[in-house]
Amino acid sequence: MTPRILIIEDDNEINQLLKMILQQEGYDVLQAYSGTEALLRMEQVEATADLILLDLMIPGMSGEELLHHLRNTRQSTLPVLVLSAKNALEDKVSLLRLGADDYISKPFEPEEVVARVQAALRRSNFAIQQENRQLVYKNIVLEPHLRKVTVCQKELSLTALEYEILHLLIQNPEKVYTRQALYEEVWKDGYYGTDHTVNVHVSNLRKKIKEQDPEESYIQSVYGIGFRLEKS
């Protein structure tokens, strides 16, 4: 099935440019020009979009508000790539903490947009193809065939990348993963050690788990190396 991408961008020229770029790569494209229109679009297609390109400065509902809404609904694992002229490190970190899967700075090159879309879709498809056996670690139960995670019998709302990090760690509970290894396994992309992407996503994951099980420790930082699951 051809992947379907929803573009949420209020600038008509940029929206049309993105549509042309993606259609040339063979993708189906949906367009929205505001946050409220985007929500209506997703309801009309019954959430069949495979990926969202989201501008932050949109009318009706800001990009940040829409991202927060998506991460707290049934679209919680839908890949979201943010488009923004905000290039400061704190802006990027804030959006990753909010649940963005990736960040594309404006102005952008068509090749970068295509490459990041392809990488995000690879990650999403890779997750779907994983084995479906139930995985249990302490009070966490992960069900790959449902992409469902519960802690103390309470379901977690995880982003696609948070889910993949946890899935990888829980499959190999004795293994220490470097940040580079986590990035390359989960993001399916080269790691250059120049940002805090992995740390931010692990921090978000820890916070969500701790909210449901504050008495137990799950993800251990290995100083100077990376992360592993805490020993039982």
C-alpha atoms as a PDB file:
ATOM      1  CA  MET A   1       0.000   0.000   0.000  1.00  0.00           C
ATOM      2  CA  THR A   2       1.296   3.468  -0.886  1.00  0.00           C
ATOM      3  CA  PRO A   3       2.154   5.497   2.234  1.00  0.00           C
ATOM      4  CA  ARG A   4      -0.119   8.477   2.827  1.00  0.00           C
ATOM      5  CA  ILE A   5       1.339  11.698   4.197  1.00  0.00           C
ATOM      6  CA  LEU A   6      -0.612  14.572   5.742  1.00  0.00           C
ATOM      7  CA  ILE A   7       0.971  18.006   5.253  1.00  0.00           C
ATOM      8  CA  ILE A   8      -0.116  20.627   7.796  1.00  0.00           C
ATOM      9  CA  GLU A   9       1.226  23.983   6.604  1.00  0.00           C
ATOM     10  CA  ASP A  10      -0.643  27.299   6.280  1.00  0.00           C
ATOM     11  CA  ASP A  11       1.695  28.792   3.657  1.00  0.00           C
ATOM     12  CA  ASN A  12       0.123  27.744   0.358  1.00  0.00           C
ATOM     13  CA  GLU A  13       3.368  27.872  -1.629  1.00  0.00           C
ATOM     14  CA  ILE A  14       5.249  25.710   0.867  1.00  0.00           C
ATOM     15  CA  ASN A  15       2.317  23.311   1.183  1.00  0.00           C
ATOM     16  CA  GLN A  16       2.127  22.902  -2.589  1.00  0.00           C
ATOM     17  CA  LEU A  17       5.915  22.518  -2.847  1.00  0.00           C
ATOM     18  CA  LEU A  18       5.913  19.748  -0.249  1.00  0.00           C
ATOM     19  CA  LYS A  19       3.020  18.062  -2.029  1.00  0.00           C
ATOM     20  CA  MET A  20       4.922  18.131  -5.330  1.00  0.00           C
ATOM     21  CA  ILE A  21       8.129  16.810  -3.718  1.00  0.00           C
ATOM     22  CA  LEU A  22       6.335  13.906  -2.060  1.00  0.00           C
ATOM     23  CA  GLN A  23       4.120  13.023  -5.013  1.00  0.00           C
ATOM     24  CA  GLN A  24       7.221  12.827  -7.201  1.00  0.00           C
ATOM     25  CA  GLU A  25       8.465  10.152  -4.796  1.00  0.00           C
ATOM     26  CA  GLY A  26       5.218   8.216  -5.227  1.00  0.00           C
ATOM     27  CA  TYR A  27       3.476   9.103  -1.947  1.00  0.00           C
ATOM     28  CA  ASP A  28      -0.217   9.850  -1.522  1.00  0.00           C
ATOM     29  CA  VAL A  29      -0.614  13.333  -0.073  1.00  0.00           C
ATOM     30  CA  LEU A  30      -3.312  14.989   2.028  1.00  0.00           C
ATOM     31  CA  GLN A  31      -3.181  18.718   2.757  1.00  0.00           C
ATOM     32  CA  ALA A  32      -4.396  20.870   5.638  1.00  0.00           C
ATOM     33  CA  TYR A  33      -3.813  24.562   6.268  1.00  0.00           C
ATOM     34  CA  SER A  34      -4.697  24.826   9.963  1.00  0.00           C
ATOM     35  CA  GLY A  35      -4.688  22.689  13.079  1.00  0.00           C
ATOM     36  CA  THR A  36      -8.462  22.380  13.176  1.00  0.00           C
ATOM     37  CA  GLU A  37      -8.614  21.418   9.493  1.00  0.00           C
ATOM     38  CA  ALA A  38      -5.954  18.781  10.146  1.00  0.00           C
ATOM     39  CA  LEU A  39      -8.059  17.200  12.888  1.00  0.00           C
ATOM     40  CA  LEU A  40     -11.062  17.091  10.560  1.00  0.00           C
ATOM     41  CA  ARG A  41      -8.907  15.556   7.830  1.00  0.00           C
ATOM     42  CA  MET A  42      -7.724  12.797  10.137  1.00  0.00           C
ATOM     43  CA  GLU A  43     -11.283  12.038  11.178  1.00  0.00           C
ATOM     44  CA  GLN A  44     -12.414  11.878   7.544  1.00  0.00           C
ATOM     45  CA  VAL A  45      -9.726   9.369   6.565  1.00  0.00           C
ATOM     46  CA  GLU A  46     -10.100   7.507   9.873  1.00  0.00           C
ATOM     47  CA  ALA A  47      -6.486   8.110  10.836  1.00  0.00           C
ATOM     48  CA  THR A  48      -5.088   6.305   7.796  1.00  0.00           C
ATOM     49  CA  ALA A  49      -2.278   8.831   7.329  1.00  0.00           C
ATOM     50  CA  ASP A  50       1.067   7.080   7.792  1.00  0.00           C
ATOM     51  CA  LEU A  51       3.069  10.211   8.619  1.00  0.00           C
ATOM     52  CA  ILE A  52       2.508  13.903   9.346  1.00  0.00           C
ATOM     53  CA  LEU A  53       4.612  16.879   8.264  1.00  0.00           C
ATOM     54  CA  LEU A  54       3.703  19.599  10.764  1.00  0.00           C
ATOM     55  CA  ASP A  55       4.449  23.317  10.613  1.00  0.00           C
ATOM     56  CA  LEU A  56       4.366  25.030  14.005  1.00  0.00           C
ATOM     57  CA  MET A  57       2.977  28.434  13.005  1.00  0.00           C
ATOM     58  CA  ILE A  58      -0.495  27.387  11.891  1.00  0.00           C
ATOM     59  CA  PRO A  59      -3.869  29.023  12.653  1.00  0.00           C
ATOM     60  CA  GLY A  60      -6.724  27.504  14.616  1.00  0.00           C
ATOM     61  CA  MET A  61      -4.543  25.309  16.794  1.00  0.00           C
ATOM     62  CA  SER A  62      -0.794  25.770  17.050  1.00  0.00           C
ATOM     63  CA  GLY A  63       1.568  23.048  15.926  1.00  0.00           C
ATOM     64  CA  GLU A  64       2.629  22.448  19.529  1.00  0.00           C
ATOM     65  CA  GLU A  65      -0.998  22.102  20.646  1.00  0.00           C
ATOM     66  CA  LEU A  66      -1.777  19.731  17.797  1.00  0.00           C
ATOM     67  CA  LEU A  67       1.295  17.614  18.559  1.00  0.00           C
ATOM     68  CA  HIS A  68       0.282  17.412  22.218  1.00  0.00           C
ATOM     69  CA  HIS A  69      -3.229  16.370  21.160  1.00  0.00           C
ATOM     70  CA  LEU A  70      -1.915  13.655  18.837  1.00  0.00           C
ATOM     71  CA  ARG A  71       0.343  12.194  21.506  1.00  0.00           C
ATOM     72  CA  ASN A  72      -2.600  11.830  23.867  1.00  0.00           C
ATOM     73  CA  THR A  73      -5.010  10.166  21.436  1.00  0.00           C
ATOM     74  CA  ARG A  74      -5.124   7.042  19.272  1.00  0.00           C
ATOM     75  CA  GLN A  75      -2.593   8.710  16.932  1.00  0.00           C
ATOM     76  CA  SER A  76       0.034   8.574  19.698  1.00  0.00           C
ATOM     77  CA  THR A  77       2.433   6.444  17.628  1.00  0.00           C
ATOM     78  CA  LEU A  78       1.883   8.206  14.289  1.00  0.00           C
ATOM     79  CA  PRO A  79       5.251   9.584  13.083  1.00  0.00           C
ATOM     80  CA  VAL A  80       5.311  13.405  13.183  1.00  0.00           C
ATOM     81  CA  LEU A  81       8.058  15.427  11.499  1.00  0.00           C
ATOM     82  CA  VAL A  82       8.098  19.091  12.530  1.00  0.00           C
ATOM     83  CA  LEU A  83       8.878  21.864  10.042  1.00  0.00           C
ATOM     84  CA  SER A  84      10.046  25.100  11.628  1.00  0.00           C
ATOM     85  CA  ALA A  85      12.265  28.139  11.234  1.00  0.00           C
ATOM     86  CA  LYS A  86      13.059  27.876  14.950  1.00  0.00           C
ATOM     87  CA  ASN A  87      16.572  26.479  14.847  1.00  0.00           C
ATOM     88  CA  ALA A  88      17.778  27.034  18.414  1.00  0.00           C
ATOM     89  CA  LEU A  89      18.787  23.881  20.289  1.00  0.00           C
ATOM     90  CA  GLU A  90      16.279  24.550  23.087  1.00  0.00           C
ATOM     91  CA  ASP A  91      13.434  24.727  20.537  1.00  0.00           C
ATOM     92  CA  LYS A  92      14.413  21.388  19.015  1.00  0.00           C
ATOM     93  CA  VAL A  93      14.800  19.722  22.408  1.00  0.00           C
ATOM     94  CA  SER A  94      11.430  21.101  23.545  1.00  0.00           C
ATOM     95  CA  LEU A  95       9.664  19.669  20.491  1.00  0.00           C
ATOM     96  CA  LEU A  96      11.326  16.285  20.864  1.00  0.00           C
ATOM     97  CA  ARG A  97      10.208  16.228  24.485  1.00  0.00           C
ATOM     98  CA  LEU A  98       6.690  17.089  23.344  1.00  0.00           C
ATOM     99  CA  GLY A  99       6.679  14.039  21.087  1.00  0.00           C
ATOM    100  CA  ALA A 100       8.056  14.997  17.665  1.00  0.00           C
ATOM    101  CA  ASP A 101       9.887  12.165  15.900  1.00  0.00           C
ATOM    102  CA  ASP A 102      12.164  14.419  13.876  1.00  0.00           C
ATOM    103  CA  TYR A 103      12.820  18.070  13.054  1.00  0.00           C
ATOM    104  CA  ILE A 104      13.323  19.718   9.660  1.00  0.00           C
ATOM    105  CA  SER A 105      14.633  23.279   9.691  1.00  0.00           C
ATOM    106  CA  LYS A 106      13.311  25.920   7.308  1.00  0.00           C
ATOM    107  CA  PRO A 107      14.428  26.705   4.699  1.00  0.00           C
ATOM    108  CA  PHE A 108      14.740  23.062   3.693  1.00  0.00           C
ATOM    109  CA  GLU A 109      16.137  21.165   0.749  1.00  0.00           C
ATOM    110  CA  PRO A 110      13.792  18.724  -1.045  1.00  0.00           C
ATOM    111  CA  GLU A 111      16.350  15.929  -0.692  1.00  0.00           C
ATOM    112  CA  GLU A 112      16.406  16.320   3.093  1.00  0.00           C
ATOM    113  CA  VAL A 113      12.612  16.222   3.348  1.00  0.00           C
ATOM    114  CA  VAL A 114      12.457  13.039   1.265  1.00  0.00           C
ATOM    115  CA  ALA A 115      15.292  11.376   3.200  1.00  0.00           C
ATOM    116  CA  ARG A 116      13.758  12.140   6.600  1.00  0.00           C
ATOM    117  CA  VAL A 117      10.300  11.001   5.486  1.00  0.00           C
ATOM    118  CA  GLN A 118      11.766   7.756   4.141  1.00  0.00           C
ATOM    119  CA  ALA A 119      13.716   7.174   7.374  1.00  0.00           C
ATOM    120  CA  ALA A 120      10.624   7.779   9.538  1.00  0.00           C
ATOM    121  CA  LEU A 121       8.530   5.406   7.434  1.00  0.00           C
ATOM    122  CA  ARG A 122      11.270   2.756   7.589  1.00  0.00           C
ATOM    123  CA  ARG A 123      11.242   2.981  11.370  1.00  0.00           C
ATOM    124  CA  SER A 124       7.471   2.672  11.444  1.00  0.00           C
ATOM    125  CA  ASN A 125       7.383  -0.274   9.033  1.00  0.00           C
ATOM    126  CA  PHE A 126      10.255  -2.000  10.820  1.00  0.00           C
ATOM    127  CA  ALA A 127       8.296  -1.860  14.062  1.00  0.00           C
ATOM    128  CA  ILE A 128       5.236  -3.440  12.457  1.00  0.00           C
ATOM    129  CA  GLN A 129       7.297  -6.346  11.162  1.00  0.00           C
ATOM    130  CA  GLN A 130       8.764  -7.314  14.535  1.00  0.00           C
ATOM    131  CA  GLU A 131       7.839 -10.603  16.174  1.00  0.00           C
ATOM    132  CA  ASN A 132       4.585 -10.521  18.108  1.00  0.00           C
ATOM    133  CA  ARG A 133       5.402 -12.444  21.278  1.00  0.00           C
ATOM    134  CA  GLN A 134       4.517 -10.735  24.531  1.00  0.00           C
ATOM    135  CA  LEU A 135       7.526  -9.344  26.401  1.00  0.00           C
ATOM    136  CA  VAL A 136       7.522  -8.954  30.183  1.00  0.00           C
ATOM    137  CA  TYR A 137      10.040  -7.132  32.380  1.00  0.00           C
ATOM    138  CA  LYS A 138       9.241  -6.425  36.026  1.00  0.00           C
ATOM    139  CA  ASN A 139       5.838  -4.665  35.877  1.00  0.00           C
ATOM    140  CA  ILE A 140       6.051  -3.840  32.157  1.00  0.00           C
ATOM    141  CA  VAL A 141       4.137  -5.897  29.595  1.00  0.00           C
ATOM    142  CA  LEU A 142       4.825  -5.130  25.931  1.00  0.00           C
ATOM    143  CA  GLU A 143       2.593  -6.633  23.233  1.00  0.00           C
ATOM    144  CA  PRO A 144       4.236  -6.062  19.824  1.00  0.00           C
ATOM    145  CA  HIS A 145       1.271  -7.213  17.734  1.00  0.00           C
ATOM    146  CA  LEU A 146      -0.840  -4.507  19.376  1.00  0.00           C
ATOM    147  CA  ARG A 147       2.023  -2.016  19.870  1.00  0.00           C
ATOM    148  CA  LYS A 148       0.694  -1.804  23.407  1.00  0.00           C
ATOM    149  CA  VAL A 149       2.653  -1.237  26.610  1.00  0.00           C
ATOM    150  CA  THR A 150       1.250  -1.498  30.110  1.00  0.00           C
ATOM    151  CA  VAL A 151       2.929  -0.746  33.422  1.00  0.00           C
ATOM    152  CA  CYS A 152       1.221  -2.128  36.512  1.00  0.00           C
ATOM    153  CA  GLN A 153      -1.688  -2.990  34.198  1.00  0.00           C
ATOM    154  CA  LYS A 154      -2.049   0.658  33.110  1.00  0.00           C
ATOM    155  CA  GLU A 155      -1.542   1.421  29.416  1.00  0.00           C
ATOM    156  CA  LEU A 156       1.180   3.897  28.460  1.00  0.00           C
ATOM    157  CA  SER A 157       0.781   6.456  25.692  1.00  0.00           C
ATOM    158  CA  LEU A 158       4.167   6.301  23.939  1.00  0.00           C
ATOM    159  CA  THR A 159       5.452   7.918  20.778  1.00  0.00           C
ATOM    160  CA  ALA A 160       6.690   5.633  18.009  1.00  0.00           C
ATOM    161  CA  LEU A 161      10.322   6.233  18.981  1.00  0.00           C
ATOM    162  CA  GLU A 162       9.747   5.787  22.714  1.00  0.00           C
ATOM    163  CA  TYR A 163       8.028   2.492  21.960  1.00  0.00           C
ATOM    164  CA  GLU A 164      10.922   1.329  19.767  1.00  0.00           C
ATOM    165  CA  ILE A 165      13.518   2.228  22.409  1.00  0.00           C
ATOM    166  CA  LEU A 166      11.646   0.277  25.076  1.00  0.00           C
ATOM    167  CA  HIS A 167      11.051  -2.644  22.703  1.00  0.00           C
ATOM    168  CA  LEU A 168      14.764  -2.844  21.909  1.00  0.00           C
ATOM    169  CA  LEU A 169      15.836  -2.662  25.557  1.00  0.00           C
ATOM    170  CA  ILE A 170      13.287  -5.191  26.773  1.00  0.00           C
ATOM    171  CA  GLN A 171      14.305  -7.692  24.076  1.00  0.00           C
ATOM    172  CA  ASN A 172      17.889  -7.540  25.346  1.00  0.00           C
ATOM    173  CA  PRO A 173      17.637  -6.789  29.083  1.00  0.00           C
ATOM    174  CA  GLU A 174      21.287  -7.593  29.842  1.00  0.00           C
ATOM    175  CA  LYS A 175      22.752  -5.526  27.024  1.00  0.00           C
ATOM    176  CA  VAL A 176      24.193  -2.027  27.377  1.00  0.00           C
ATOM    177  CA  TYR A 177      23.342   0.137  24.362  1.00  0.00           C
ATOM    178  CA  THR A 178      25.498   3.105  23.461  1.00  0.00           C
ATOM    179  CA  ARG A 179      23.675   6.222  22.308  1.00  0.00           C
ATOM    180  CA  GLN A 180      25.040   5.578  18.837  1.00  0.00           C
ATOM    181  CA  ALA A 181      23.737   2.004  18.819  1.00  0.00           C
ATOM    182  CA  LEU A 182      20.295   3.091  20.042  1.00  0.00           C
ATOM    183  CA  TYR A 183      20.104   5.829  17.428  1.00  0.00           C
ATOM    184  CA  GLU A 184      21.158   3.565  14.579  1.00  0.00           C
ATOM    185  CA  GLU A 185      18.833   0.728  15.675  1.00  0.00           C
ATOM    186  CA  VAL A 186      15.762   2.872  16.349  1.00  0.00           C
ATOM    187  CA  TRP A 187      16.148   5.799  13.953  1.00  0.00           C
ATOM    188  CA  LYS A 188      17.649   3.638  11.168  1.00  0.00           C
ATOM    189  CA  ASP A 189      20.014   6.472  10.346  1.00  0.00           C
ATOM    190  CA  GLY A 190      23.631   7.484  10.823  1.00  0.00           C
ATOM    191  CA  TYR A 191      24.658   8.919  14.203  1.00  0.00           C
ATOM    192  CA  TYR A 192      26.946  11.927  14.382  1.00  0.00           C
ATOM    193  CA  GLY A 193      26.877  12.578  18.130  1.00  0.00           C
ATOM    194  CA  THR A 194      25.884  16.217  17.696  1.00  0.00           C
ATOM    195  CA  ASP A 195      22.508  16.417  19.473  1.00  0.00           C
ATOM    196  CA  HIS A 196      20.571  15.180  22.491  1.00  0.00           C
ATOM    197  CA  THR A 197      17.902  13.244  20.601  1.00  0.00           C
ATOM    198  CA  VAL A 198      18.478   9.887  22.304  1.00  0.00           C
ATOM    199  CA  ASN A 199      18.731  11.407  25.796  1.00  0.00           C
ATOM    200  CA  VAL A 200      15.499  13.346  25.328  1.00  0.00           C
ATOM    201  CA  HIS A 201      13.503  10.323  24.206  1.00  0.00           C
ATOM    202  CA  VAL A 202      14.884   8.107  26.986  1.00  0.00           C
ATOM    203  CA  SER A 203      14.064  10.825  29.528  1.00  0.00           C
ATOM    204  CA  ASN A 204      10.481  11.040  28.240  1.00  0.00           C
ATOM    205  CA  LEU A 205      10.151   7.256  28.387  1.00  0.00           C
ATOM    206  CA  ARG A 206      11.453   7.087  31.960  1.00  0.00           C
ATOM    207  CA  LYS A 207       9.019   9.794  33.059  1.00  0.00           C
ATOM    208  CA  LYS A 208       6.006   7.996  31.591  1.00  0.00           C
ATOM    209  CA  ILE A 209       6.973   4.675  33.192  1.00  0.00           C
ATOM    210  CA  LYS A 210       7.670   6.287  36.570  1.00  0.00           C
ATOM    211  CA  GLU A 211       4.244   7.954  36.590  1.00  0.00           C
ATOM    212  CA  GLN A 212       2.697   4.470  36.687  1.00  0.00           C
ATOM    213  CA  ASP A 213       5.317   2.714  38.825  1.00  0.00           C
ATOM    214  CA  PRO A 214       7.186   5.240  40.994  1.00  0.00           C
ATOM    215  CA  GLU A 215       8.659   2.598  43.316  1.00  0.00           C
ATOM    216  CA  GLU A 216      10.559   0.627  40.657  1.00  0.00           C
ATOM    217  CA  SER A 217      13.556   1.530  38.471  1.00  0.00           C
ATOM    218  CA  TYR A 218      13.659   0.430  34.844  1.00  0.00           C
ATOM    219  CA  ILE A 219      16.164   2.212  32.596  1.00  0.00           C
ATOM    220  CA  GLN A 220      19.700   2.604  33.910  1.00  0.00           C
ATOM    221  CA  SER A 221      22.227   5.143  32.621  1.00  0.00           C
ATOM    222  CA  VAL A 222      25.661   3.591  32.204  1.00  0.00           C
ATOM    223  CA  TYR A 223      28.085   6.460  32.712  1.00  0.00           C
ATOM    224  CA  GLY A 224      29.982   7.408  29.584  1.00  0.00           C
ATOM    225  CA  ILE A 225      28.370   4.644  27.532  1.00  0.00           C
ATOM    226  CA  GLY A 226      24.591   4.667  27.227  1.00  0.00           C
ATOM    227  CA  PHE A 227      21.593   2.793  28.611  1.00  0.00           C
ATOM    228  CA  ARG A 228      20.376  -0.629  29.701  1.00  0.00           C
ATOM    229  CA  LEU A 229      17.522  -2.047  31.724  1.00  0.00           C
ATOM    230  CA  GLU A 230      18.051  -2.101  35.475  1.00  0.00           C
ATOM    231  CA  LYS A 231      19.020  -5.529  36.754  1.00  0.00           C
ATOM    232  CA  SER A 232      16.093  -7.330  38.377  1.00  0.00           C
END
